[in-house]
Amino acid sequence: MTQLVWLITGCSSGFGERFVHRILSRGDQVIATGRKLDRLKHLEQAGAAILRLDVTDSQEDVNKIMATAITIHGRIDVLVNNAAYITTGAWEDLE
């Protein structure tokens, strides 16, 4: 089976973090991203490449980061946009 290169956003915790570990266990390569590099260091130790990426960055900054990501393994086969922000409450009370 061909080894895939995955880029995953929102890997600091939760589903993104678990997804990285699962993909690495398959033998695929992972580029894990998040807003704070220090929250991704444990994924780097597990074998993932890490990059700082905030999906609210300017398009120019995102383009530069994506160019850097591609240079890590020469390609990206799968993109998982897992980054999210959750707000809970009654609809009338949310801003």
PDB file of N, CA and C in Angstrom:
ATOM      1  N   MET A   1       0.846  -1.175   0.000  1.00  0.00           N
ATOM      2  CA  MET A   1       0.000   0.000   0.000  1.00  0.00           C
ATOM      3  C   MET A   1       0.893   1.241   0.000  1.00  0.00           C
ATOM      4  N   THR A   2       0.536   2.237  -0.794  1.00  0.00           N
ATOM      5  CA  THR A   2       1.285   3.474  -0.880  1.00  0.00           C
ATOM      6  C   THR A   2       1.102   4.298   0.388  1.00  0.00           C
ATOM      7  N   GLN A   3       2.192   4.843   0.893  1.00  0.00           N
ATOM      8  CA  GLN A   3       2.141   5.692   2.079  1.00  0.00           C
ATOM      9  C   GLN A   3       1.563   7.047   1.695  1.00  0.00           C
ATOM     10  N   LEU A   4       0.553   7.485   2.431  1.00  0.00           N
ATOM     11  CA  LEU A   4      -0.079   8.778   2.177  1.00  0.00           C
ATOM     12  C   LEU A   4       0.515   9.853   3.075  1.00  0.00           C
ATOM     13  N   VAL A   5       0.443  11.090   2.606  1.00  0.00           N
ATOM     14  CA  VAL A   5       0.849  12.250   3.391  1.00  0.00           C
ATOM     15  C   VAL A   5      -0.419  13.033   3.725  1.00  0.00           C
ATOM     16  N   TRP A   6      -0.682  13.165   5.001  1.00  0.00           N
ATOM     17  CA  TRP A   6      -1.883  13.841   5.499  1.00  0.00           C
ATOM     18  C   TRP A   6      -1.501  15.189   6.100  1.00  0.00           C
ATOM     19  N   LEU A   7      -2.283  16.214   5.834  1.00  0.00           N
ATOM     20  CA  LEU A   7      -2.182  17.487   6.537  1.00  0.00           C
ATOM     21  C   LEU A   7      -3.478  17.657   7.311  1.00  0.00           C
ATOM     22  N   ILE A   8      -3.347  17.841   8.617  1.00  0.00           N
ATOM     23  CA  ILE A   8      -4.522  17.929   9.481  1.00  0.00           C
ATOM     24  C   ILE A   8      -4.460  19.226  10.276  1.00  0.00           C
ATOM     25  N   THR A   9      -5.537  19.979  10.250  1.00  0.00           N
ATOM     26  CA  THR A   9      -5.621  21.204  11.050  1.00  0.00           C
ATOM     27  C   THR A   9      -6.247  20.875  12.404  1.00  0.00           C
ATOM     28  N   GLY A  10      -5.975  21.724  13.391  1.00  0.00           N
ATOM     29  CA  GLY A  10      -6.600  21.582  14.707  1.00  0.00           C
ATOM     30  C   GLY A  10      -6.171  20.342  15.456  1.00  0.00           C
ATOM     31  N   CYS A  11      -4.859  20.131  15.590  1.00  0.00           N
ATOM     32  CA  CYS A  11      -4.339  18.903  16.188  1.00  0.00           C
ATOM     33  C   CYS A  11      -3.919  19.030  17.648  1.00  0.00           C
ATOM     34  N   SER A  12      -4.166  20.164  18.266  1.00  0.00           N
ATOM     35  CA  SER A  12      -3.693  20.376  19.640  1.00  0.00           C
ATOM     36  C   SER A  12      -4.343  19.436  20.644  1.00  0.00           C
ATOM     37  N   SER A  13      -5.565  19.038  20.375  1.00  0.00           N
ATOM     38  CA  SER A  13      -6.278  18.162  21.311  1.00  0.00           C
ATOM     39  C   SER A  13      -7.461  17.520  20.596  1.00  0.00           C
ATOM     40  N   GLY A  14      -8.192  16.735  21.328  1.00  0.00           N
ATOM     41  CA  GLY A  14      -9.435  16.173  20.824  1.00  0.00           C
ATOM     42  C   GLY A  14      -9.284  15.291  19.602  1.00  0.00           C
ATOM     43  N   PHE A  15     -10.244  15.407  18.704  1.00  0.00           N
ATOM     44  CA  PHE A  15     -10.302  14.547  17.539  1.00  0.00           C
ATOM     45  C   PHE A  15      -9.044  14.667  16.677  1.00  0.00           C
ATOM     46  N   GLY A  16      -8.566  15.880  16.454  1.00  0.00           N
ATOM     47  CA  GLY A  16      -7.373  16.070  15.627  1.00  0.00           C
ATOM     48  C   GLY A  16      -6.175  15.333  16.180  1.00  0.00           C
ATOM     49  N   GLU A  17      -5.962  15.440  17.464  1.00  0.00           N
ATOM     50  CA  GLU A  17      -4.844  14.753  18.120  1.00  0.00           C
ATOM     51  C   GLU A  17      -4.977  13.238  17.975  1.00  0.00           C
ATOM     52  N   ARG A  18      -6.159  12.718  18.225  1.00  0.00           N
ATOM     53  CA  ARG A  18      -6.379  11.270  18.103  1.00  0.00           C
ATOM     54  C   ARG A  18      -6.224  10.793  16.659  1.00  0.00           C
ATOM     55  N   PHE A  19      -6.699  11.618  15.750  1.00  0.00           N
ATOM     56  CA  PHE A  19      -6.587  11.285  14.340  1.00  0.00           C
ATOM     57  C   PHE A  19      -5.117  11.150  13.936  1.00  0.00           C
ATOM     58  N   VAL A  20      -4.270  12.055  14.397  1.00  0.00           N
ATOM     59  CA  VAL A  20      -2.837  12.001  14.083  1.00  0.00           C
ATOM     60  C   VAL A  20      -2.245  10.673  14.550  1.00  0.00           C
ATOM     61  N   HIS A  21      -2.523  10.288  15.776  1.00  0.00           N
ATOM     62  CA  HIS A  21      -1.969   9.034  16.304  1.00  0.00           C
ATOM     63  C   HIS A  21      -2.445   7.828  15.489  1.00  0.00           C
ATOM     64  N   ARG A  22      -3.693   7.839  15.096  1.00  0.00           N
ATOM     65  CA  ARG A  22      -4.246   6.724  14.319  1.00  0.00           C
ATOM     66  C   ARG A  22      -3.588   6.640  12.937  1.00  0.00           C
ATOM     67  N   ILE A  23      -3.415   7.783  12.308  1.00  0.00           N
ATOM     68  CA  ILE A  23      -2.798   7.798  10.974  1.00  0.00           C
ATOM     69  C   ILE A  23      -1.343   7.355  11.047  1.00  0.00           C
ATOM     70  N   LEU A  24      -0.624   7.833  12.059  1.00  0.00           N
ATOM     71  CA  LEU A  24       0.763   7.396  12.226  1.00  0.00           C
ATOM     72  C   LEU A  24       0.841   5.888  12.438  1.00  0.00           C
ATOM     73  N   SER A  25      -0.104   5.320  13.178  1.00  0.00           N
ATOM     74  CA  SER A  25      -0.098   3.880  13.432  1.00  0.00           C
ATOM     75  C   SER A  25      -0.342   3.075  12.158  1.00  0.00           C
ATOM     76  N   ARG A  26      -0.960   3.686  11.145  1.00  0.00           N
ATOM     77  CA  ARG A  26      -1.155   3.046   9.836  1.00  0.00           C
ATOM     78  C   ARG A  26       0.129   3.025   9.026  1.00  0.00           C
ATOM     79  N   GLY A  27       1.099   3.856   9.429  1.00  0.00           N
ATOM     80  CA  GLY A  27       2.346   3.961   8.681  1.00  0.00           C
ATOM     81  C   GLY A  27       2.374   5.119   7.707  1.00  0.00           C
ATOM     82  N   ASP A  28       1.350   5.964   7.734  1.00  0.00           N
ATOM     83  CA  ASP A  28       1.319   7.137   6.871  1.00  0.00           C
ATOM     84  C   ASP A  28       2.073   8.291   7.517  1.00  0.00           C
ATOM     85  N   GLN A  29       2.357   9.317   6.725  1.00  0.00           N
ATOM     86  CA  GLN A  29       3.028  10.520   7.200  1.00  0.00           C
ATOM     87  C   GLN A  29       1.971  11.570   7.556  1.00  0.00           C
ATOM     88  N   VAL A  30       2.251  12.361   8.591  1.00  0.00           N
ATOM     89  CA  VAL A  30       1.309  13.385   9.032  1.00  0.00           C
ATOM     90  C   VAL A  30       2.021  14.714   9.222  1.00  0.00           C
ATOM     91  N   ILE A  31       1.382  15.764   8.740  1.00  0.00           N
ATOM     92  CA  ILE A  31       1.770  17.130   9.059  1.00  0.00           C
ATOM     93  C   ILE A  31       0.647  17.656   9.933  1.00  0.00           C
ATOM     94  N   ALA A  32       0.923  17.797  11.214  1.00  0.00           N
ATOM     95  CA  ALA A  32      -0.073  18.235  12.188  1.00  0.00           C
ATOM     96  C   ALA A  32       0.059  19.743  12.391  1.00  0.00           C
ATOM     97  N   THR A  33      -1.060  20.443  12.357  1.00  0.00           N
ATOM     98  CA  THR A  33      -1.017  21.892  12.525  1.00  0.00           C
ATOM     99  C   THR A  33      -1.892  22.324  13.687  1.00  0.00           C
ATOM    100  N   GLY A  34      -1.559  23.479  14.206  1.00  0.00           N
ATOM    101  CA  GLY A  34      -2.325  24.083  15.291  1.00  0.00           C
ATOM    102  C   GLY A  34      -1.860  25.509  15.500  1.00  0.00           C
ATOM    103  N   ARG A  35      -2.592  26.235  16.314  1.00  0.00           N
ATOM    104  CA  ARG A  35      -2.262  27.643  16.547  1.00  0.00           C
ATOM    105  C   ARG A  35      -1.000  27.836  17.372  1.00  0.00           C
ATOM    106  N   LYS A  36      -0.680  26.873  18.238  1.00  0.00           N
ATOM    107  CA  LYS A  36       0.478  27.007  19.128  1.00  0.00           C
ATOM    108  C   LYS A  36       1.362  25.770  19.002  1.00  0.00           C
ATOM    109  N   LEU A  37       2.614  26.001  18.559  1.00  0.00           N
ATOM    110  CA  LEU A  37       3.542  24.882  18.370  1.00  0.00           C
ATOM    111  C   LEU A  37       3.805  24.103  19.650  1.00  0.00           C
ATOM    112  N   ASP A  38       3.848  24.780  20.776  1.00  0.00           N
ATOM    113  CA  ASP A  38       4.138  24.077  22.028  1.00  0.00           C
ATOM    114  C   ASP A  38       3.073  23.039  22.361  1.00  0.00           C
ATOM    115  N   ARG A  39       1.868  23.211  21.852  1.00  0.00           N
ATOM    116  CA  ARG A  39       0.789  22.240  22.098  1.00  0.00           C
ATOM    117  C   ARG A  39       0.826  21.080  21.109  1.00  0.00           C
ATOM    118  N   LEU A  40       1.786  21.130  20.157  1.00  0.00           N
ATOM    119  CA  LEU A  40       1.924  20.067  19.160  1.00  0.00           C
ATOM    120  C   LEU A  40       3.187  19.236  19.356  1.00  0.00           C
ATOM    121  N   LYS A  41       4.053  19.631  20.276  1.00  0.00           N
ATOM    122  CA  LYS A  41       5.354  18.968  20.459  1.00  0.00           C
ATOM    123  C   LYS A  41       5.218  17.469  20.707  1.00  0.00           C
ATOM    124  N   HIS A  42       4.198  17.061  21.448  1.00  0.00           N
ATOM    125  CA  HIS A  42       4.017  15.635  21.718  1.00  0.00           C
ATOM    126  C   HIS A  42       3.714  14.855  20.437  1.00  0.00           C
ATOM    127  N   LEU A  43       3.103  15.511  19.455  1.00  0.00           N
ATOM    128  CA  LEU A  43       2.835  14.855  18.178  1.00  0.00           C
ATOM    129  C   LEU A  43       4.109  14.729  17.351  1.00  0.00           C
ATOM    130  N   GLU A  44       4.981  15.714  17.477  1.00  0.00           N
ATOM    131  CA  GLU A  44       6.278  15.639  16.809  1.00  0.00           C
ATOM    132  C   GLU A  44       7.084  14.472  17.375  1.00  0.00           C
ATOM    133  N   GLN A  45       7.043  14.296  18.688  1.00  0.00           N
ATOM    134  CA  GLN A  45       7.748  13.186  19.326  1.00  0.00           C
ATOM    135  C   GLN A  45       7.175  11.835  18.896  1.00  0.00           C
ATOM    136  N   ALA A  46       5.889  11.836  18.527  1.00  0.00           N
ATOM    137  CA  ALA A  46       5.241  10.605  18.059  1.00  0.00           C
ATOM    138  C   ALA A  46       5.558  10.308  16.599  1.00  0.00           C
ATOM    139  N   GLY A  47       6.141  11.284  15.880  1.00  0.00           N
ATOM    140  CA  GLY A  47       6.543  11.043  14.507  1.00  0.00           C
ATOM    141  C   GLY A  47       5.922  11.952  13.467  1.00  0.00           C
ATOM    142  N   ALA A  48       5.076  12.862  13.878  1.00  0.00           N
ATOM    143  CA  ALA A  48       4.449  13.790  12.943  1.00  0.00           C
ATOM    144  C   ALA A  48       5.337  15.017  12.743  1.00  0.00           C
ATOM    145  N   ALA A  49       5.248  15.607  11.580  1.00  0.00           N
ATOM    146  CA  ALA A  49       5.823  16.935  11.370  1.00  0.00           C
ATOM    147  C   ALA A  49       4.795  17.925  11.904  1.00  0.00           C
ATOM    148  N   ILE A  50       5.245  19.046  12.456  1.00  0.00           N
ATOM    149  CA  ILE A  50       4.303  20.016  13.001  1.00  0.00           C
ATOM    150  C   ILE A  50       4.545  21.398  12.384  1.00  0.00           C
ATOM    151  N   LEU A  51       3.456  22.125  12.224  1.00  0.00           N
ATOM    152  CA  LEU A  51       3.512  23.497  11.721  1.00  0.00           C
ATOM    153  C   LEU A  51       2.500  24.344  12.469  1.00  0.00           C
ATOM    154  N   ARG A  52       2.856  25.613  12.675  1.00  0.00           N
ATOM    155  CA  ARG A  52       1.917  26.560  13.253  1.00  0.00           C
ATOM    156  C   ARG A  52       0.993  27.043  12.142  1.00  0.00           C
ATOM    157  N   LEU A  53      -0.294  26.879  12.341  1.00  0.00           N
ATOM    158  CA  LEU A  53      -1.282  27.335  11.371  1.00  0.00           C
ATOM    159  C   LEU A  53      -2.547  27.732  12.109  1.00  0.00           C
ATOM    160  N   ASP A  54      -2.959  28.955  11.887  1.00  0.00           N
ATOM    161  CA  ASP A  54      -4.238  29.436  12.404  1.00  0.00           C
ATOM    162  C   ASP A  54      -5.103  29.681  11.184  1.00  0.00           C
ATOM    163  N   VAL A  55      -6.207  29.000  11.088  1.00  0.00           N
ATOM    164  CA  VAL A  55      -7.045  29.115   9.897  1.00  0.00           C
ATOM    165  C   VAL A  55      -7.626  30.514   9.730  1.00  0.00           C
ATOM    166  N   THR A  56      -7.465  31.375  10.740  1.00  0.00           N
ATOM    167  CA  THR A  56      -7.908  32.766  10.605  1.00  0.00           C
ATOM    168  C   THR A  56      -6.779  33.687  10.141  1.00  0.00           C
ATOM    169  N   ASP A  57      -5.593  33.125   9.877  1.00  0.00           N
ATOM    170  CA  ASP A  57      -4.491  33.922   9.335  1.00  0.00           C
ATOM    171  C   ASP A  57      -4.878  34.471   7.967  1.00  0.00           C
ATOM    172  N   SER A  58      -4.128  35.451   7.511  1.00  0.00           N
ATOM    173  CA  SER A  58      -4.379  36.009   6.183  1.00  0.00           C
ATOM    174  C   SER A  58      -4.140  34.942   5.123  1.00  0.00           C
ATOM    175  N   GLN A  59      -4.748  35.109   3.974  1.00  0.00           N
ATOM    176  CA  GLN A  59      -4.569  34.155   2.882  1.00  0.00           C
ATOM    177  C   GLN A  59      -3.105  34.061   2.478  1.00  0.00           C
ATOM    178  N   GLU A  60      -2.409  35.187   2.485  1.00  0.00           N
ATOM    179  CA  GLU A  60      -0.989  35.193   2.136  1.00  0.00           C
ATOM    180  C   GLU A  60      -0.187  34.328   3.106  1.00  0.00           C
ATOM    181  N   ASP A  61      -0.455  34.454   4.414  1.00  0.00           N
ATOM    182  CA  ASP A  61       0.252  33.640   5.411  1.00  0.00           C
ATOM    183  C   ASP A  61      -0.084  32.159   5.257  1.00  0.00           C
ATOM    184  N   VAL A  62      -1.349  31.853   5.014  1.00  0.00           N
ATOM    185  CA  VAL A  62      -1.756  30.455   4.825  1.00  0.00           C
ATOM    186  C   VAL A  62      -1.066  29.877   3.596  1.00  0.00           C
ATOM    187  N   ASN A  63      -0.973  30.649   2.522  1.00  0.00           N
ATOM    188  CA  ASN A  63      -0.290  30.179   1.313  1.00  0.00           C
ATOM    189  C   ASN A  63       1.175  29.851   1.597  1.00  0.00           C
ATOM    190  N   LYS A  64       1.851  30.697   2.383  1.00  0.00           N
ATOM    191  CA  LYS A  64       3.256  30.454   2.736  1.00  0.00           C
ATOM    192  C   LYS A  64       3.396  29.184   3.568  1.00  0.00           C
ATOM    193  N   ILE A  65       2.499  28.992   4.509  1.00  0.00           N
ATOM    194  CA  ILE A  65       2.552  27.806   5.369  1.00  0.00           C
ATOM    195  C   ILE A  65       2.282  26.552   4.552  1.00  0.00           C
ATOM    196  N   MET A  66       1.345  26.629   3.614  1.00  0.00           N
ATOM    197  CA  MET A  66       1.058  25.473   2.757  1.00  0.00           C
ATOM    198  C   MET A  66       2.260  25.145   1.867  1.00  0.00           C
ATOM    199  N   ALA A  67       2.951  26.163   1.376  1.00  0.00           N
ATOM    200  CA  ALA A  67       4.160  25.933   0.587  1.00  0.00           C
ATOM    201  C   ALA A  67       5.214  25.224   1.437  1.00  0.00           C
ATOM    202  N   THR A  68       5.355  25.637   2.680  1.00  0.00           N
ATOM    203  CA  THR A  68       6.285  24.985   3.601  1.00  0.00           C
ATOM    204  C   THR A  68       5.859  23.541   3.847  1.00  0.00           C
ATOM    205  N   ALA A  69       4.570  23.322   4.042  1.00  0.00           N
ATOM    206  CA  ALA A  69       4.058  21.971   4.295  1.00  0.00           C
ATOM    207  C   ALA A  69       4.385  21.033   3.134  1.00  0.00           C
ATOM    208  N   ILE A  70       4.221  21.509   1.940  1.00  0.00           N
ATOM    209  CA  ILE A  70       4.484  20.673   0.772  1.00  0.00           C
ATOM    210  C   ILE A  70       5.960  20.281   0.689  1.00  0.00           C
ATOM    211  N   THR A  71       6.851  21.177   1.133  1.00  0.00           N
ATOM    212  CA  THR A  71       8.279  20.851   1.078  1.00  0.00           C
ATOM    213  C   THR A  71       8.679  19.760   2.070  1.00  0.00           C
ATOM    214  N   ILE A  72       7.892  19.533   3.097  1.00  0.00           N
ATOM    215  CA  ILE A  72       8.255  18.543   4.121  1.00  0.00           C
ATOM    216  C   ILE A  72       8.329  17.143   3.523  1.00  0.00           C
ATOM    217  N   HIS A  73       7.299  16.726   2.805  1.00  0.00           N
ATOM    218  CA  HIS A  73       7.267  15.383   2.207  1.00  0.00           C
ATOM    219  C   HIS A  73       7.134  15.426   0.691  1.00  0.00           C
ATOM    220  N   GLY A  74       7.141  16.624   0.123  1.00  0.00           N
ATOM    221  CA  GLY A  74       7.056  16.755  -1.325  1.00  0.00           C
ATOM    222  C   GLY A  74       5.646  16.782  -1.888  1.00  0.00           C
ATOM    223  N   ARG A  75       4.670  16.548  -1.039  1.00  0.00           N
ATOM    224  CA  ARG A  75       3.279  16.531  -1.494  1.00  0.00           C
ATOM    225  C   ARG A  75       2.349  16.469  -0.285  1.00  0.00           C
ATOM    226  N   ILE A  76       1.078  16.681  -0.545  1.00  0.00           N
ATOM    227  CA  ILE A  76       0.019  16.431   0.431  1.00  0.00           C
ATOM    228  C   ILE A  76      -1.048  15.640  -0.307  1.00  0.00           C
ATOM    229  N   ASP A  77      -1.367  14.453   0.201  1.00  0.00           N
ATOM    230  CA  ASP A  77      -2.366  13.604  -0.444  1.00  0.00           C
ATOM    231  C   ASP A  77      -3.764  13.810   0.131  1.00  0.00           C
ATOM    232  N   VAL A  78      -3.829  14.049   1.443  1.00  0.00           N
ATOM    233  CA  VAL A  78      -5.122  14.154   2.115  1.00  0.00           C
ATOM    234  C   VAL A  78      -5.106  15.368   3.026  1.00  0.00           C
ATOM    235  N   LEU A  79      -6.143  16.196   2.926  1.00  0.00           N
ATOM    236  CA  LEU A  79      -6.311  17.353   3.809  1.00  0.00           C
ATOM    237  C   LEU A  79      -7.518  17.103   4.694  1.00  0.00           C
ATOM    238  N   VAL A  80      -7.321  17.229   6.013  1.00  0.00           N
ATOM    239  CA  VAL A  80      -8.429  17.130   6.958  1.00  0.00           C
ATOM    240  C   VAL A  80      -8.528  18.470   7.671  1.00  0.00           C
ATOM    241  N   ASN A  81      -9.574  19.215   7.364  1.00  0.00           N
ATOM    242  CA  ASN A  81      -9.789  20.509   8.003  1.00  0.00           C
ATOM    243  C   ASN A  81     -10.590  20.278   9.278  1.00  0.00           C
ATOM    244  N   ASN A  82      -9.868  20.022  10.348  1.00  0.00           N
ATOM    245  CA  ASN A  82     -10.461  19.678  11.625  1.00  0.00           C
ATOM    246  C   ASN A  82     -10.556  20.880  12.563  1.00  0.00           C
ATOM    247  N   ALA A  83      -9.916  21.991  12.223  1.00  0.00           N
ATOM    248  CA  ALA A  83      -9.913  23.166  13.100  1.00  0.00           C
ATOM    249  C   ALA A  83     -11.349  23.663  13.294  1.00  0.00           C
ATOM    250  N   ALA A  84     -11.676  23.974  14.543  1.00  0.00           N
ATOM    251  CA  ALA A  84     -13.041  24.408  14.827  1.00  0.00           C
ATOM    252  C   ALA A  84     -13.082  25.274  16.077  1.00  0.00           C
ATOM    253  N   TYR A  85     -14.147  25.968  16.182  1.00  0.00           N
ATOM    254  CA  TYR A  85     -14.427  26.764  17.369  1.00  0.00           C
ATOM    255  C   TYR A  85     -15.869  26.486  17.734  1.00  0.00           C
ATOM    256  N   ILE A  86     -16.101  26.098  18.977  1.00  0.00           N
ATOM    257  CA  ILE A  86     -17.445  25.725  19.393  1.00  0.00           C
ATOM    258  C   ILE A  86     -17.965  26.754  20.394  1.00  0.00           C
ATOM    259  N   THR A  87     -19.158  27.220  20.138  1.00  0.00           N
ATOM    260  CA  THR A  87     -19.855  28.103  21.064  1.00  0.00           C
ATOM    261  C   THR A  87     -21.154  27.425  21.446  1.00  0.00           C
ATOM    262  N   THR A  88     -21.417  27.388  22.729  1.00  0.00           N
ATOM    263  CA  THR A  88     -22.664  26.758  23.166  1.00  0.00           C
ATOM    264  C   THR A  88     -23.518  27.799  23.890  1.00  0.00           C
ATOM    265  N   GLY A  89     -24.795  27.599  23.824  1.00  0.00           N
ATOM    266  CA  GLY A  89     -25.724  28.482  24.504  1.00  0.00           C
ATOM    267  C   GLY A  89     -27.000  28.630  23.693  1.00  0.00           C
ATOM    268  N   ALA A  90     -27.928  29.328  24.237  1.00  0.00           N
ATOM    269  CA  ALA A  90     -29.170  29.604  23.521  1.00  0.00           C
ATOM    270  C   ALA A  90     -28.876  30.536  22.358  1.00  0.00           C
ATOM    271  N   TRP A  91     -29.494  30.300  21.226  1.00  0.00           N
ATOM    272  CA  TRP A  91     -29.252  31.085  20.013  1.00  0.00           C
ATOM    273  C   TRP A  91     -29.372  32.569  20.298  1.00  0.00           C
ATOM    274  N   GLU A  92     -30.339  32.973  21.061  1.00  0.00           N
ATOM    275  CA  GLU A  92     -30.570  34.382  21.347  1.00  0.00           C
ATOM    276  C   GLU A  92     -29.452  35.022  22.163  1.00  0.00           C
ATOM    277  N   ASP A  93     -28.707  34.207  22.902  1.00  0.00           N
ATOM    278  CA  ASP A  93     -27.657  34.708  23.784  1.00  0.00           C
ATOM    279  C   ASP A  93     -26.265  34.753  23.132  1.00  0.00           C
ATOM    280  N   LEU A  94     -26.124  34.159  21.946  1.00  0.00           N
ATOM    281  CA  LEU A  94     -24.821  34.076  21.301  1.00  0.00           C
ATOM    282  C   LEU A  94     -24.538  35.327  20.479  1.00  0.00           C
ATOM    283  N   GLU A  95     -23.260  35.702  20.449  1.00  0.00           N
ATOM    284  CA  GLU A  95     -22.852  36.848  19.640  1.00  0.00           C
ATOM    285  C   GLU A  95     -22.341  36.388  18.293  1.00  0.00           C
TER     286      GLU A  95
END
